[in-house]
Amino acid sequence: MINDRIARFETRQAELEKLNDAELKDRFWELCNELVKPIADFAKTHTSPSIERSVLLRMGIDSVSTHAVVSRIVEAGLLGKGAGNVVLKLSQKSGKDLRAAAQSIIDDKTVLSGLF
């Protein structure tokens, strides 16, 4: 078993020695993306209202508003899109800043229909 590990290591080491700096950098990022992909895929399908409120807080939305915004987003069935993404998309669509976009979600739940 140990000999197998050493042999695999030596094989990988020999392959990497053939690469120049640019190729090593490309290989590094390729491996990083490969490593992070399952985590990113998991995050796309697993979220919660508390996580989404936390994201909104970091975007500068006040605590009281985050509860109302996330509630509206849950009602609209858009929580899987990410509350921050929903607010950002609405902000870009309406030309409002993030706080104003969040407030418009609170004030008018129809503003979310047809957003995605």
PDB file of N, CA and C in Angstrom:
ATOM      1  N   MET A   1       0.823  -1.190   0.000  1.00  0.00           N
ATOM      2  CA  MET A   1       0.000   0.000   0.000  1.00  0.00           C
ATOM      3  C   MET A   1       0.868   1.256   0.000  1.00  0.00           C
ATOM      4  N   ILE A   2       1.851   1.313   0.866  1.00  0.00           N
ATOM      5  CA  ILE A   2       2.737   2.473   0.911  1.00  0.00           C
ATOM      6  C   ILE A   2       3.517   2.587  -0.385  1.00  0.00           C
ATOM      7  N   ASN A   3       3.943   1.454  -0.928  1.00  0.00           N
ATOM      8  CA  ASN A   3       4.689   1.468  -2.184  1.00  0.00           C
ATOM      9  C   ASN A   3       3.837   2.003  -3.333  1.00  0.00           C
ATOM     10  N   ASP A   4       2.528   1.667  -3.312  1.00  0.00           N
ATOM     11  CA  ASP A   4       1.612   2.173  -4.338  1.00  0.00           C
ATOM     12  C   ASP A   4       1.508   3.692  -4.262  1.00  0.00           C
ATOM     13  N   ARG A   5       1.374   4.209  -3.035  1.00  0.00           N
ATOM     14  CA  ARG A   5       1.282   5.667  -2.852  1.00  0.00           C
ATOM     15  C   ARG A   5       2.548   6.354  -3.337  1.00  0.00           C
ATOM     16  N   ILE A   6       3.675   5.789  -3.009  1.00  0.00           N
ATOM     17  CA  ILE A   6       4.949   6.387  -3.431  1.00  0.00           C
ATOM     18  C   ILE A   6       5.059   6.357  -4.951  1.00  0.00           C
ATOM     19  N   ALA A   7       4.638   5.271  -5.555  1.00  0.00           N
ATOM     20  CA  ALA A   7       4.694   5.144  -7.018  1.00  0.00           C
ATOM     21  C   ALA A   7       3.775   6.171  -7.682  1.00  0.00           C
ATOM     22  N   ARG A   8       2.564   6.332  -7.137  1.00  0.00           N
ATOM     23  CA  ARG A   8       1.643   7.328  -7.698  1.00  0.00           C
ATOM     24  C   ARG A   8       2.212   8.732  -7.547  1.00  0.00           C
ATOM     25  N   PHE A   9       2.788   9.024  -6.398  1.00  0.00           N
ATOM     26  CA  PHE A   9       3.396  10.335  -6.169  1.00  0.00           C
ATOM     27  C   PHE A   9       4.513  10.586  -7.177  1.00  0.00           C
ATOM     28  N   GLU A  10       5.379   9.613  -7.368  1.00  0.00           N
ATOM     29  CA  GLU A  10       6.501   9.779  -8.298  1.00  0.00           C
ATOM     30  C   GLU A  10       6.020   9.971  -9.736  1.00  0.00           C
ATOM     31  N   THR A  11       4.947   9.290 -10.095  1.00  0.00           N
ATOM     32  CA  THR A  11       4.369   9.455 -11.432  1.00  0.00           C
ATOM     33  C   THR A  11       3.839  10.872 -11.612  1.00  0.00           C
ATOM     34  N   ARG A  12       3.071  11.353 -10.622  1.00  0.00           N
ATOM     35  CA  ARG A  12       2.539  12.727 -10.697  1.00  0.00           C
ATOM     36  C   ARG A  12       3.661  13.749 -10.703  1.00  0.00           C
ATOM     37  N   GLN A  13       4.685  13.509  -9.897  1.00  0.00           N
ATOM     38  CA  GLN A  13       5.815  14.434  -9.822  1.00  0.00           C
ATOM     39  C   GLN A  13       6.531  14.520 -11.177  1.00  0.00           C
ATOM     40  N   ALA A  14       6.710  13.379 -11.823  1.00  0.00           N
ATOM     41  CA  ALA A  14       7.371  13.362 -13.133  1.00  0.00           C
ATOM     42  C   ALA A  14       6.538  14.114 -14.172  1.00  0.00           C
ATOM     43  N   GLU A  15       5.217  13.968 -14.108  1.00  0.00           N
ATOM     44  CA  GLU A  15       4.340  14.678 -15.048  1.00  0.00           C
ATOM     45  C   GLU A  15       4.407  16.186 -14.827  1.00  0.00           C
ATOM     46  N   LEU A  16       4.429  16.607 -13.564  1.00  0.00           N
ATOM     47  CA  LEU A  16       4.459  18.040 -13.245  1.00  0.00           C
ATOM     48  C   LEU A  16       5.797  18.676 -13.583  1.00  0.00           C
ATOM     49  N   GLU A  17       6.874  17.920 -13.496  1.00  0.00           N
ATOM     50  CA  GLU A  17       8.192  18.465 -13.816  1.00  0.00           C
ATOM     51  C   GLU A  17       8.297  18.878 -15.280  1.00  0.00           C
ATOM     52  N   LYS A  18       7.468  18.279 -16.135  1.00  0.00           N
ATOM     53  CA  LYS A  18       7.493  18.580 -17.567  1.00  0.00           C
ATOM     54  C   LYS A  18       6.804  19.906 -17.900  1.00  0.00           C
ATOM     55  N   LEU A  19       6.027  20.438 -16.951  1.00  0.00           N
ATOM     56  CA  LEU A  19       5.238  21.642 -17.210  1.00  0.00           C
ATOM     57  C   LEU A  19       6.033  22.904 -16.910  1.00  0.00           C
ATOM     58  N   ASN A  20       5.803  23.949 -17.730  1.00  0.00           N
ATOM     59  CA  ASN A  20       6.407  25.250 -17.435  1.00  0.00           C
ATOM     60  C   ASN A  20       5.519  25.995 -16.443  1.00  0.00           C
ATOM     61  N   ASP A  21       5.922  27.197 -16.058  1.00  0.00           N
ATOM     62  CA  ASP A  21       5.183  27.939 -15.034  1.00  0.00           C
ATOM     63  C   ASP A  21       3.734  28.219 -15.434  1.00  0.00           C
ATOM     64  N   ALA A  22       3.525  28.623 -16.680  1.00  0.00           N
ATOM     65  CA  ALA A  22       2.161  28.926 -17.132  1.00  0.00           C
ATOM     66  C   ALA A  22       1.291  27.669 -17.111  1.00  0.00           C
ATOM     67  N   GLU A  23       1.856  26.551 -17.536  1.00  0.00           N
ATOM     68  CA  GLU A  23       1.103  25.295 -17.541  1.00  0.00           C
ATOM     69  C   GLU A  23       0.822  24.823 -16.115  1.00  0.00           C
ATOM     70  N   LEU A  24       1.785  25.031 -15.199  1.00  0.00           N
ATOM     71  CA  LEU A  24       1.562  24.685 -13.794  1.00  0.00           C
ATOM     72  C   LEU A  24       0.441  25.525 -13.196  1.00  0.00           C
ATOM     73  N   LYS A  25       0.443  26.810 -13.536  1.00  0.00           N
ATOM     74  CA  LYS A  25      -0.607  27.691 -13.038  1.00  0.00           C
ATOM     75  C   LYS A  25      -1.967  27.241 -13.564  1.00  0.00           C
ATOM     76  N   ASP A  26      -2.046  26.918 -14.849  1.00  0.00           N
ATOM     77  CA  ASP A  26      -3.303  26.435 -15.428  1.00  0.00           C
ATOM     78  C   ASP A  26      -3.759  25.144 -14.752  1.00  0.00           C
ATOM     79  N   ARG A  27      -2.802  24.249 -14.510  1.00  0.00           N
ATOM     80  CA  ARG A  27      -3.129  22.981 -13.847  1.00  0.00           C
ATOM     81  C   ARG A  27      -3.621  23.218 -12.426  1.00  0.00           C
ATOM     82  N   PHE A  28      -2.991  24.161 -11.726  1.00  0.00           N
ATOM     83  CA  PHE A  28      -3.406  24.513 -10.369  1.00  0.00           C
ATOM     84  C   PHE A  28      -4.864  24.959 -10.359  1.00  0.00           C
ATOM     85  N   TRP A  29      -5.229  25.886 -11.262  1.00  0.00           N
ATOM     86  CA  TRP A  29      -6.597  26.399 -11.279  1.00  0.00           C
ATOM     87  C   TRP A  29      -7.587  25.337 -11.736  1.00  0.00           C
ATOM     88  N   GLU A  30      -7.151  24.465 -12.623  1.00  0.00           N
ATOM     89  CA  GLU A  30      -8.006  23.360 -13.053  1.00  0.00           C
ATOM     90  C   GLU A  30      -8.340  22.459 -11.852  1.00  0.00           C
ATOM     91  N   LEU A  31      -7.328  22.138 -11.053  1.00  0.00           N
ATOM     92  CA  LEU A  31      -7.549  21.313  -9.867  1.00  0.00           C
ATOM     93  C   LEU A  31      -8.387  22.034  -8.817  1.00  0.00           C
ATOM     94  N   CYS A  32      -8.162  23.338  -8.651  1.00  0.00           N
ATOM     95  CA  CYS A  32      -8.967  24.124  -7.705  1.00  0.00           C
ATOM     96  C   CYS A  32     -10.440  24.099  -8.098  1.00  0.00           C
ATOM     97  N   ASN A  33     -10.712  24.333  -9.373  1.00  0.00           N
ATOM     98  CA  ASN A  33     -12.098  24.309  -9.848  1.00  0.00           C
ATOM     99  C   ASN A  33     -12.727  22.935  -9.669  1.00  0.00           C
ATOM    100  N   GLU A  34     -11.935  21.893  -9.900  1.00  0.00           N
ATOM    101  CA  GLU A  34     -12.407  20.526  -9.714  1.00  0.00           C
ATOM    102  C   GLU A  34     -12.746  20.265  -8.239  1.00  0.00           C
ATOM    103  N   LEU A  35     -11.939  20.807  -7.363  1.00  0.00           N
ATOM    104  CA  LEU A  35     -12.139  20.627  -5.930  1.00  0.00           C
ATOM    105  C   LEU A  35     -13.369  21.378  -5.424  1.00  0.00           C
ATOM    106  N   VAL A  36     -13.595  22.580  -5.932  1.00  0.00           N
ATOM    107  CA  VAL A  36     -14.668  23.439  -5.438  1.00  0.00           C
ATOM    108  C   VAL A  36     -16.018  23.112  -6.081  1.00  0.00           C
ATOM    109  N   LYS A  37     -16.014  22.479  -7.236  1.00  0.00           N
ATOM    110  CA  LYS A  37     -17.260  22.216  -7.962  1.00  0.00           C
ATOM    111  C   LYS A  37     -18.319  21.508  -7.117  1.00  0.00           C
ATOM    112  N   PRO A  38     -18.001  20.422  -6.403  1.00  0.00           N
ATOM    113  CA  PRO A  38     -19.046  19.779  -5.582  1.00  0.00           C
ATOM    114  C   PRO A  38     -19.588  20.700  -4.488  1.00  0.00           C
ATOM    115  N   ILE A  39     -18.730  21.535  -3.940  1.00  0.00           N
ATOM    116  CA  ILE A  39     -19.171  22.460  -2.898  1.00  0.00           C
ATOM    117  C   ILE A  39     -20.118  23.493  -3.495  1.00  0.00           C
ATOM    118  N   ALA A  40     -19.753  24.029  -4.642  1.00  0.00           N
ATOM    119  CA  ALA A  40     -20.602  25.019  -5.311  1.00  0.00           C
ATOM    120  C   ALA A  40     -21.934  24.395  -5.726  1.00  0.00           C
ATOM    121  N   ASP A  41     -21.895  23.174  -6.237  1.00  0.00           N
ATOM    122  CA  ASP A  41     -23.128  22.485  -6.624  1.00  0.00           C
ATOM    123  C   ASP A  41     -24.029  22.262  -5.412  1.00  0.00           C
ATOM    124  N   PHE A  42     -23.442  21.878  -4.294  1.00  0.00           N
ATOM    125  CA  PHE A  42     -24.203  21.674  -3.064  1.00  0.00           C
ATOM    126  C   PHE A  42     -24.841  22.979  -2.608  1.00  0.00           C
ATOM    127  N   ALA A  43     -24.080  24.060  -2.666  1.00  0.00           N
ATOM    128  CA  ALA A  43     -24.581  25.359  -2.218  1.00  0.00           C
ATOM    129  C   ALA A  43     -25.739  25.843  -3.087  1.00  0.00           C
ATOM    130  N   LYS A  44     -25.730  25.464  -4.359  1.00  0.00           N
ATOM    131  CA  LYS A  44     -26.809  25.889  -5.257  1.00  0.00           C
ATOM    132  C   LYS A  44     -28.147  25.249  -4.885  1.00  0.00           C
ATOM    133  N   THR A  45     -28.087  24.081  -4.263  1.00  0.00           N
ATOM    134  CA  THR A  45     -29.328  23.369  -3.960  1.00  0.00           C
ATOM    135  C   THR A  45     -29.664  23.330  -2.477  1.00  0.00           C
ATOM    136  N   HIS A  46     -28.792  23.846  -1.633  1.00  0.00           N
ATOM    137  CA  HIS A  46     -29.023  23.782  -0.187  1.00  0.00           C
ATOM    138  C   HIS A  46     -28.799  25.161   0.436  1.00  0.00           C
ATOM    139  N   THR A  47     -29.866  25.793   0.778  1.00  0.00           N
ATOM    140  CA  THR A  47     -29.779  27.080   1.452  1.00  0.00           C
ATOM    141  C   THR A  47     -30.891  27.143   2.488  1.00  0.00           C
ATOM    142  N   SER A  48     -30.900  28.195   3.245  1.00  0.00           N
ATOM    143  CA  SER A  48     -31.958  28.358   4.240  1.00  0.00           C
ATOM    144  C   SER A  48     -32.244  29.847   4.386  1.00  0.00           C
ATOM    145  N   PRO A  49     -33.387  30.184   4.940  1.00  0.00           N
ATOM    146  CA  PRO A  49     -33.688  31.600   5.148  1.00  0.00           C
ATOM    147  C   PRO A  49     -32.624  32.307   5.979  1.00  0.00           C
ATOM    148  N   SER A  50     -32.085  31.631   6.997  1.00  0.00           N
ATOM    149  CA  SER A  50     -31.073  32.306   7.828  1.00  0.00           C
ATOM    150  C   SER A  50     -29.796  32.591   7.049  1.00  0.00           C
ATOM    151  N   ILE A  51     -29.400  31.675   6.185  1.00  0.00           N
ATOM    152  CA  ILE A  51     -28.226  31.921   5.341  1.00  0.00           C
ATOM    153  C   ILE A  51     -28.494  33.095   4.415  1.00  0.00           C
ATOM    154  N   GLU A  52     -29.663  33.122   3.826  1.00  0.00           N
ATOM    155  CA  GLU A  52     -29.985  34.201   2.887  1.00  0.00           C
ATOM    156  C   GLU A  52     -30.100  35.550   3.598  1.00  0.00           C
ATOM    157  N   ARG A  53     -30.628  35.568   4.815  1.00  0.00           N
ATOM    158  CA  ARG A  53     -30.655  36.825   5.583  1.00  0.00           C
ATOM    159  C   ARG A  53     -29.238  37.301   5.865  1.00  0.00           C
ATOM    160  N   SER A  54     -28.359  36.373   6.166  1.00  0.00           N
ATOM    161  CA  SER A  54     -26.955  36.702   6.425  1.00  0.00           C
ATOM    162  C   SER A  54     -26.315  37.338   5.188  1.00  0.00           C
ATOM    163  N   VAL A  55     -26.612  36.800   4.029  1.00  0.00           N
ATOM    164  CA  VAL A  55     -26.091  37.371   2.776  1.00  0.00           C
ATOM    165  C   VAL A  55     -26.598  38.805   2.602  1.00  0.00           C
ATOM    166  N   LEU A  56     -27.884  39.000   2.838  1.00  0.00           N
ATOM    167  CA  LEU A  56     -28.460  40.346   2.690  1.00  0.00           C
ATOM    168  C   LEU A  56     -27.854  41.331   3.679  1.00  0.00           C
ATOM    169  N   LEU A  57     -27.593  40.878   4.901  1.00  0.00           N
ATOM    170  CA  LEU A  57     -26.946  41.755   5.880  1.00  0.00           C
ATOM    171  C   LEU A  57     -25.586  42.223   5.361  1.00  0.00           C
ATOM    172  N   ARG A  58     -24.853  41.335   4.749  1.00  0.00           N
ATOM    173  CA  ARG A  58     -23.541  41.681   4.209  1.00  0.00           C
ATOM    174  C   ARG A  58     -23.627  42.588   2.978  1.00  0.00           C
ATOM    175  N   MET A  59     -24.803  42.620   2.393  1.00  0.00           N
ATOM    176  CA  MET A  59     -25.025  43.513   1.252  1.00  0.00           C
ATOM    177  C   MET A  59     -25.482  44.894   1.712  1.00  0.00           C
ATOM    178  N   GLY A  60     -25.638  45.076   3.036  1.00  0.00           N
ATOM    179  CA  GLY A  60     -26.011  46.377   3.559  1.00  0.00           C
ATOM    180  C   GLY A  60     -27.485  46.561   3.833  1.00  0.00           C
ATOM    181  N   ILE A  61     -28.251  45.481   3.766  1.00  0.00           N
ATOM    182  CA  ILE A  61     -29.681  45.556   4.068  1.00  0.00           C
ATOM    183  C   ILE A  61     -29.829  45.403   5.586  1.00  0.00           C
ATOM    184  N   ASP A  62     -30.669  46.227   6.202  1.00  0.00           N
ATOM    185  CA  ASP A  62     -30.810  46.163   7.668  1.00  0.00           C
ATOM    186  C   ASP A  62     -31.516  44.878   8.103  1.00  0.00           C
ATOM    187  N   SER A  63     -31.331  44.514   9.357  1.00  0.00           N
ATOM    188  CA  SER A  63     -31.806  43.247   9.899  1.00  0.00           C
ATOM    189  C   SER A  63     -33.317  43.072   9.782  1.00  0.00           C
ATOM    190  N   VAL A  64     -34.075  44.091  10.114  1.00  0.00           N
ATOM    191  CA  VAL A  64     -35.533  43.989  10.046  1.00  0.00           C
ATOM    192  C   VAL A  64     -35.985  43.750   8.608  1.00  0.00           C
ATOM    193  N   SER A  65     -35.381  44.471   7.682  1.00  0.00           N
ATOM    194  CA  SER A  65     -35.754  44.321   6.269  1.00  0.00           C
ATOM    195  C   SER A  65     -35.392  42.950   5.722  1.00  0.00           C
ATOM    196  N   THR A  66     -34.258  42.391   6.185  1.00  0.00           N
ATOM    197  CA  THR A  66     -33.848  41.088   5.650  1.00  0.00           C
ATOM    198  C   THR A  66     -34.910  40.026   5.920  1.00  0.00           C
ATOM    199  N   HIS A  67     -35.527  40.066   7.081  1.00  0.00           N
ATOM    200  CA  HIS A  67     -36.581  39.091   7.391  1.00  0.00           C
ATOM    201  C   HIS A  67     -37.741  39.213   6.416  1.00  0.00           C
ATOM    202  N   ALA A  68     -38.176  40.437   6.170  1.00  0.00           N
ATOM    203  CA  ALA A  68     -39.306  40.657   5.267  1.00  0.00           C
ATOM    204  C   ALA A  68     -38.952  40.287   3.822  1.00  0.00           C
ATOM    205  N   VAL A  69     -37.754  40.659   3.397  1.00  0.00           N
ATOM    206  CA  VAL A  69     -37.337  40.361   2.020  1.00  0.00           C
ATOM    207  C   VAL A  69     -37.274  38.852   1.812  1.00  0.00           C
ATOM    208  N   VAL A  70     -36.633  38.149   2.733  1.00  0.00           N
ATOM    209  CA  VAL A  70     -36.512  36.693   2.588  1.00  0.00           C
ATOM    210  C   VAL A  70     -37.886  36.038   2.626  1.00  0.00           C
ATOM    211  N   SER A  71     -38.785  36.519   3.451  1.00  0.00           N
ATOM    212  CA  SER A  71     -40.146  35.971   3.488  1.00  0.00           C
ATOM    213  C   SER A  71     -40.830  36.120   2.132  1.00  0.00           C
ATOM    214  N   ARG A  72     -40.705  37.293   1.528  1.00  0.00           N
ATOM    215  CA  ARG A  72     -41.296  37.518   0.189  1.00  0.00           C
ATOM    216  C   ARG A  72     -40.656  36.609  -0.856  1.00  0.00           C
ATOM    217  N   ILE A  73     -39.340  36.434  -0.751  1.00  0.00           N
ATOM    218  CA  ILE A  73     -38.636  35.592  -1.722  1.00  0.00           C
ATOM    219  C   ILE A  73     -39.062  34.135  -1.560  1.00  0.00           C
ATOM    220  N   VAL A  74     -39.255  33.686  -0.325  1.00  0.00           N
ATOM    221  CA  VAL A  74     -39.741  32.328  -0.076  1.00  0.00           C
ATOM    222  C   VAL A  74     -41.137  32.172  -0.664  1.00  0.00           C
ATOM    223  N   GLU A  75     -42.015  33.161  -0.426  1.00  0.00           N
ATOM    224  CA  GLU A  75     -43.383  33.118  -0.966  1.00  0.00           C
ATOM    225  C   GLU A  75     -43.381  33.018  -2.488  1.00  0.00           C
ATOM    226  N   ALA A  76     -42.420  33.685  -3.117  1.00  0.00           N
ATOM    227  CA  ALA A  76     -42.339  33.689  -4.581  1.00  0.00           C
ATOM    228  C   ALA A  76     -41.663  32.424  -5.122  1.00  0.00           C
ATOM    229  N   GLY A  77     -41.133  31.582  -4.217  1.00  0.00           N
ATOM    230  CA  GLY A  77     -40.473  30.354  -4.648  1.00  0.00           C
ATOM    231  C   GLY A  77     -39.094  30.582  -5.240  1.00  0.00           C
ATOM    232  N   LEU A  78     -38.448  31.666  -4.847  1.00  0.00           N
ATOM    233  CA  LEU A  78     -37.157  32.021  -5.433  1.00  0.00           C
ATOM    234  C   LEU A  78     -35.976  31.862  -4.482  1.00  0.00           C
ATOM    235  N   LEU A  79     -36.185  31.237  -3.330  1.00  0.00           N
ATOM    236  CA  LEU A  79     -35.097  31.124  -2.361  1.00  0.00           C
ATOM    237  C   LEU A  79     -33.891  30.386  -2.950  1.00  0.00           C
ATOM    238  N   GLY A  80     -34.148  29.392  -3.784  1.00  0.00           N
ATOM    239  CA  GLY A  80     -33.065  28.646  -4.422  1.00  0.00           C
ATOM    240  C   GLY A  80     -32.193  29.489  -5.327  1.00  0.00           C
ATOM    241  N   LYS A  81     -32.699  30.625  -5.762  1.00  0.00           N
ATOM    242  CA  LYS A  81     -31.904  31.544  -6.594  1.00  0.00           C
ATOM    243  C   LYS A  81     -30.939  32.355  -5.739  1.00  0.00           C
ATOM    244  N   GLY A  82     -31.206  32.399  -4.433  1.00  0.00           N
ATOM    245  CA  GLY A  82     -30.381  33.193  -3.528  1.00  0.00           C
ATOM    246  C   GLY A  82     -30.975  34.576  -3.358  1.00  0.00           C
ATOM    247  N   ALA A  83     -31.214  34.959  -2.112  1.00  0.00           N
ATOM    248  CA  ALA A  83     -31.839  36.252  -1.843  1.00  0.00           C
ATOM    249  C   ALA A  83     -30.973  37.404  -2.346  1.00  0.00           C
ATOM    250  N   GLY A  84     -29.679  37.285  -2.149  1.00  0.00           N
ATOM    251  CA  GLY A  84     -28.780  38.339  -2.627  1.00  0.00           C
ATOM    252  C   GLY A  84     -28.841  38.480  -4.134  1.00  0.00           C
ATOM    253  N   ASN A  85     -28.917  37.346  -4.823  1.00  0.00           N
ATOM    254  CA  ASN A  85     -29.018  37.359  -6.279  1.00  0.00           C
ATOM    255  C   ASN A  85     -30.330  37.993  -6.718  1.00  0.00           C
ATOM    256  N   VAL A  86     -31.417  37.669  -6.018  1.00  0.00           N
ATOM    257  CA  VAL A  86     -32.724  38.237  -6.345  1.00  0.00           C
ATOM    258  C   VAL A  86     -32.694  39.755  -6.185  1.00  0.00           C
ATOM    259  N   VAL A  87     -32.169  40.229  -5.059  1.00  0.00           N
ATOM    260  CA  VAL A  87     -32.098  41.675  -4.817  1.00  0.00           C
ATOM    261  C   VAL A  87     -31.196  42.339  -5.850  1.00  0.00           C
ATOM    262  N   LEU A  88     -30.053  41.732  -6.144  1.00  0.00           N
ATOM    263  CA  LEU A  88     -29.140  42.290  -7.145  1.00  0.00           C
ATOM    264  C   LEU A  88     -29.799  42.359  -8.515  1.00  0.00           C
ATOM    265  N   LYS A  89     -30.463  41.282  -8.909  1.00  0.00           N
ATOM    266  CA  LYS A  89     -31.131  41.237 -10.220  1.00  0.00           C
ATOM    267  C   LYS A  89     -32.209  42.321 -10.305  1.00  0.00           C
ATOM    268  N   LEU A  90     -32.987  42.468  -9.235  1.00  0.00           N
ATOM    269  CA  LEU A  90     -34.032  43.494  -9.214  1.00  0.00           C
ATOM    270  C   LEU A  90     -33.407  44.889  -9.259  1.00  0.00           C
ATOM    271  N   SER A  91     -32.320  45.062  -8.551  1.00  0.00           N
ATOM    272  CA  SER A  91     -31.615  46.341  -8.550  1.00  0.00           C
ATOM    273  C   SER A  91     -31.151  46.707  -9.958  1.00  0.00           C
ATOM    274  N   GLN A  92     -30.571  45.745 -10.642  1.00  0.00           N
ATOM    275  CA  GLN A  92     -30.098  45.991 -12.008  1.00  0.00           C
ATOM    276  C   GLN A  92     -31.252  46.254 -12.965  1.00  0.00           C
ATOM    277  N   LYS A  93     -32.333  45.497 -12.802  1.00  0.00           N
ATOM    278  CA  LYS A  93     -33.492  45.651 -13.682  1.00  0.00           C
ATOM    279  C   LYS A  93     -34.177  46.995 -13.483  1.00  0.00           C
ATOM    280  N   SER A  94     -34.285  47.426 -12.219  1.00  0.00           N
ATOM    281  CA  SER A  94     -35.043  48.643 -11.917  1.00  0.00           C
ATOM    282  C   SER A  94     -34.181  49.904 -11.867  1.00  0.00           C
ATOM    283  N   GLY A  95     -32.854  49.713 -11.811  1.00  0.00           N
ATOM    284  CA  GLY A  95     -31.968  50.874 -11.709  1.00  0.00           C
ATOM    285  C   GLY A  95     -31.899  51.462 -10.313  1.00  0.00           C
ATOM    286  N   LYS A  96     -32.413  50.728  -9.332  1.00  0.00           N
ATOM    287  CA  LYS A  96     -32.390  51.194  -7.942  1.00  0.00           C
ATOM    288  C   LYS A  96     -31.155  50.642  -7.247  1.00  0.00           C
ATOM    289  N   ASP A  97     -30.757  51.288  -6.134  1.00  0.00           N
ATOM    290  CA  ASP A  97     -29.675  50.711  -5.352  1.00  0.00           C
ATOM    291  C   ASP A  97     -30.199  49.489  -4.606  1.00  0.00           C
ATOM    292  N   LEU A  98     -29.293  48.742  -3.969  1.00  0.00           N
ATOM    293  CA  LEU A  98     -29.675  47.476  -3.335  1.00  0.00           C
ATOM    294  C   LEU A  98     -30.726  47.661  -2.243  1.00  0.00           C
ATOM    295  N   ARG A  99     -30.553  48.687  -1.419  1.00  0.00           N
ATOM    296  CA  ARG A  99     -31.516  48.909  -0.330  1.00  0.00           C
ATOM    297  C   ARG A  99     -32.894  49.262  -0.877  1.00  0.00           C
ATOM    298  N   ALA A 100     -32.926  50.078  -1.905  1.00  0.00           N
ATOM    299  CA  ALA A 100     -34.211  50.456  -2.506  1.00  0.00           C
ATOM    300  C   ALA A 100     -34.859  49.246  -3.181  1.00  0.00           C
ATOM    301  N   ALA A 101     -34.037  48.396  -3.802  1.00  0.00           N
ATOM    302  CA  ALA A 101     -34.581  47.187  -4.427  1.00  0.00           C
ATOM    303  C   ALA A 101     -35.164  46.257  -3.363  1.00  0.00           C
ATOM    304  N   ALA A 102     -34.460  46.130  -2.237  1.00  0.00           N
ATOM    305  CA  ALA A 102     -34.972  45.308  -1.135  1.00  0.00           C
ATOM    306  C   ALA A 102     -36.277  45.879  -0.607  1.00  0.00           C
ATOM    307  N   GLN A 103     -36.339  47.182  -0.475  1.00  0.00           N
ATOM    308  CA  GLN A 103     -37.564  47.817   0.025  1.00  0.00           C
ATOM    309  C   GLN A 103     -38.719  47.609  -0.956  1.00  0.00           C
ATOM    310  N   SER A 104     -38.419  47.622  -2.252  1.00  0.00           N
ATOM    311  CA  SER A 104     -39.497  47.414  -3.219  1.00  0.00           C
ATOM    312  C   SER A 104     -40.039  45.988  -3.146  1.00  0.00           C
ATOM    313  N   ILE A 105     -39.192  45.029  -2.760  1.00  0.00           N
ATOM    314  CA  ILE A 105     -39.673  43.652  -2.560  1.00  0.00           C
ATOM    315  C   ILE A 105     -40.630  43.606  -1.377  1.00  0.00           C
ATOM    316  N   ILE A 106     -40.298  44.348  -0.333  1.00  0.00           N
ATOM    317  CA  ILE A 106     -41.153  44.394   0.850  1.00  0.00           C
ATOM    318  C   ILE A 106     -42.485  45.069   0.525  1.00  0.00           C
ATOM    319  N   ASP A 107     -42.424  46.168  -0.206  1.00  0.00           N
ATOM    320  CA  ASP A 107     -43.611  46.962  -0.492  1.00  0.00           C
ATOM    321  C   ASP A 107     -44.540  46.329  -1.523  1.00  0.00           C
ATOM    322  N   ASP A 108     -43.977  45.600  -2.484  1.00  0.00           N
ATOM    323  CA  ASP A 108     -44.781  45.078  -3.597  1.00  0.00           C
ATOM    324  C   ASP A 108     -44.289  43.683  -3.973  1.00  0.00           C
ATOM    325  N   LYS A 109     -45.018  42.653  -3.552  1.00  0.00           N
ATOM    326  CA  LYS A 109     -44.554  41.293  -3.828  1.00  0.00           C
ATOM    327  C   LYS A 109     -44.650  40.925  -5.309  1.00  0.00           C
ATOM    328  N   THR A 110     -45.404  41.684  -6.088  1.00  0.00           N
ATOM    329  CA  THR A 110     -45.513  41.390  -7.521  1.00  0.00           C
ATOM    330  C   THR A 110     -44.248  41.768  -8.277  1.00  0.00           C
ATOM    331  N   VAL A 111     -43.382  42.531  -7.641  1.00  0.00           N
ATOM    332  CA  VAL A 111     -42.152  42.974  -8.302  1.00  0.00           C
ATOM    333  C   VAL A 111     -41.234  41.780  -8.623  1.00  0.00           C
ATOM    334  N   LEU A 112     -41.451  40.649  -7.943  1.00  0.00           N
ATOM    335  CA  LEU A 112     -40.622  39.468  -8.177  1.00  0.00           C
ATOM    336  C   LEU A 112     -41.086  38.605  -9.332  1.00  0.00           C
ATOM    337  N   SER A 113     -42.336  38.788  -9.765  1.00  0.00           N
ATOM    338  CA  SER A 113     -42.824  37.937 -10.864  1.00  0.00           C
ATOM    339  C   SER A 113     -42.140  38.328 -12.167  1.00  0.00           C
ATOM    340  N   GLY A 114     -41.689  37.307 -12.862  1.00  0.00           N
ATOM    341  CA  GLY A 114     -41.014  37.499 -14.136  1.00  0.00           C
ATOM    342  C   GLY A 114     -39.580  37.963 -14.021  1.00  0.00           C
ATOM    343  N   LEU A 115     -39.033  37.948 -12.827  1.00  0.00           N
ATOM    344  CA  LEU A 115     -37.653  38.412 -12.633  1.00  0.00           C
ATOM    345  C   LEU A 115     -36.654  37.422 -13.224  1.00  0.00           C
ATOM    346  N   PHE A 116     -36.972  36.136 -13.136  1.00  0.00           N
ATOM    347  CA  PHE A 116     -36.058  35.104 -13.674  1.00  0.00           C
ATOM    348  C   PHE A 116     -36.711  34.345 -14.792  1.00  0.00           C
TER     349      PHE A 116
END
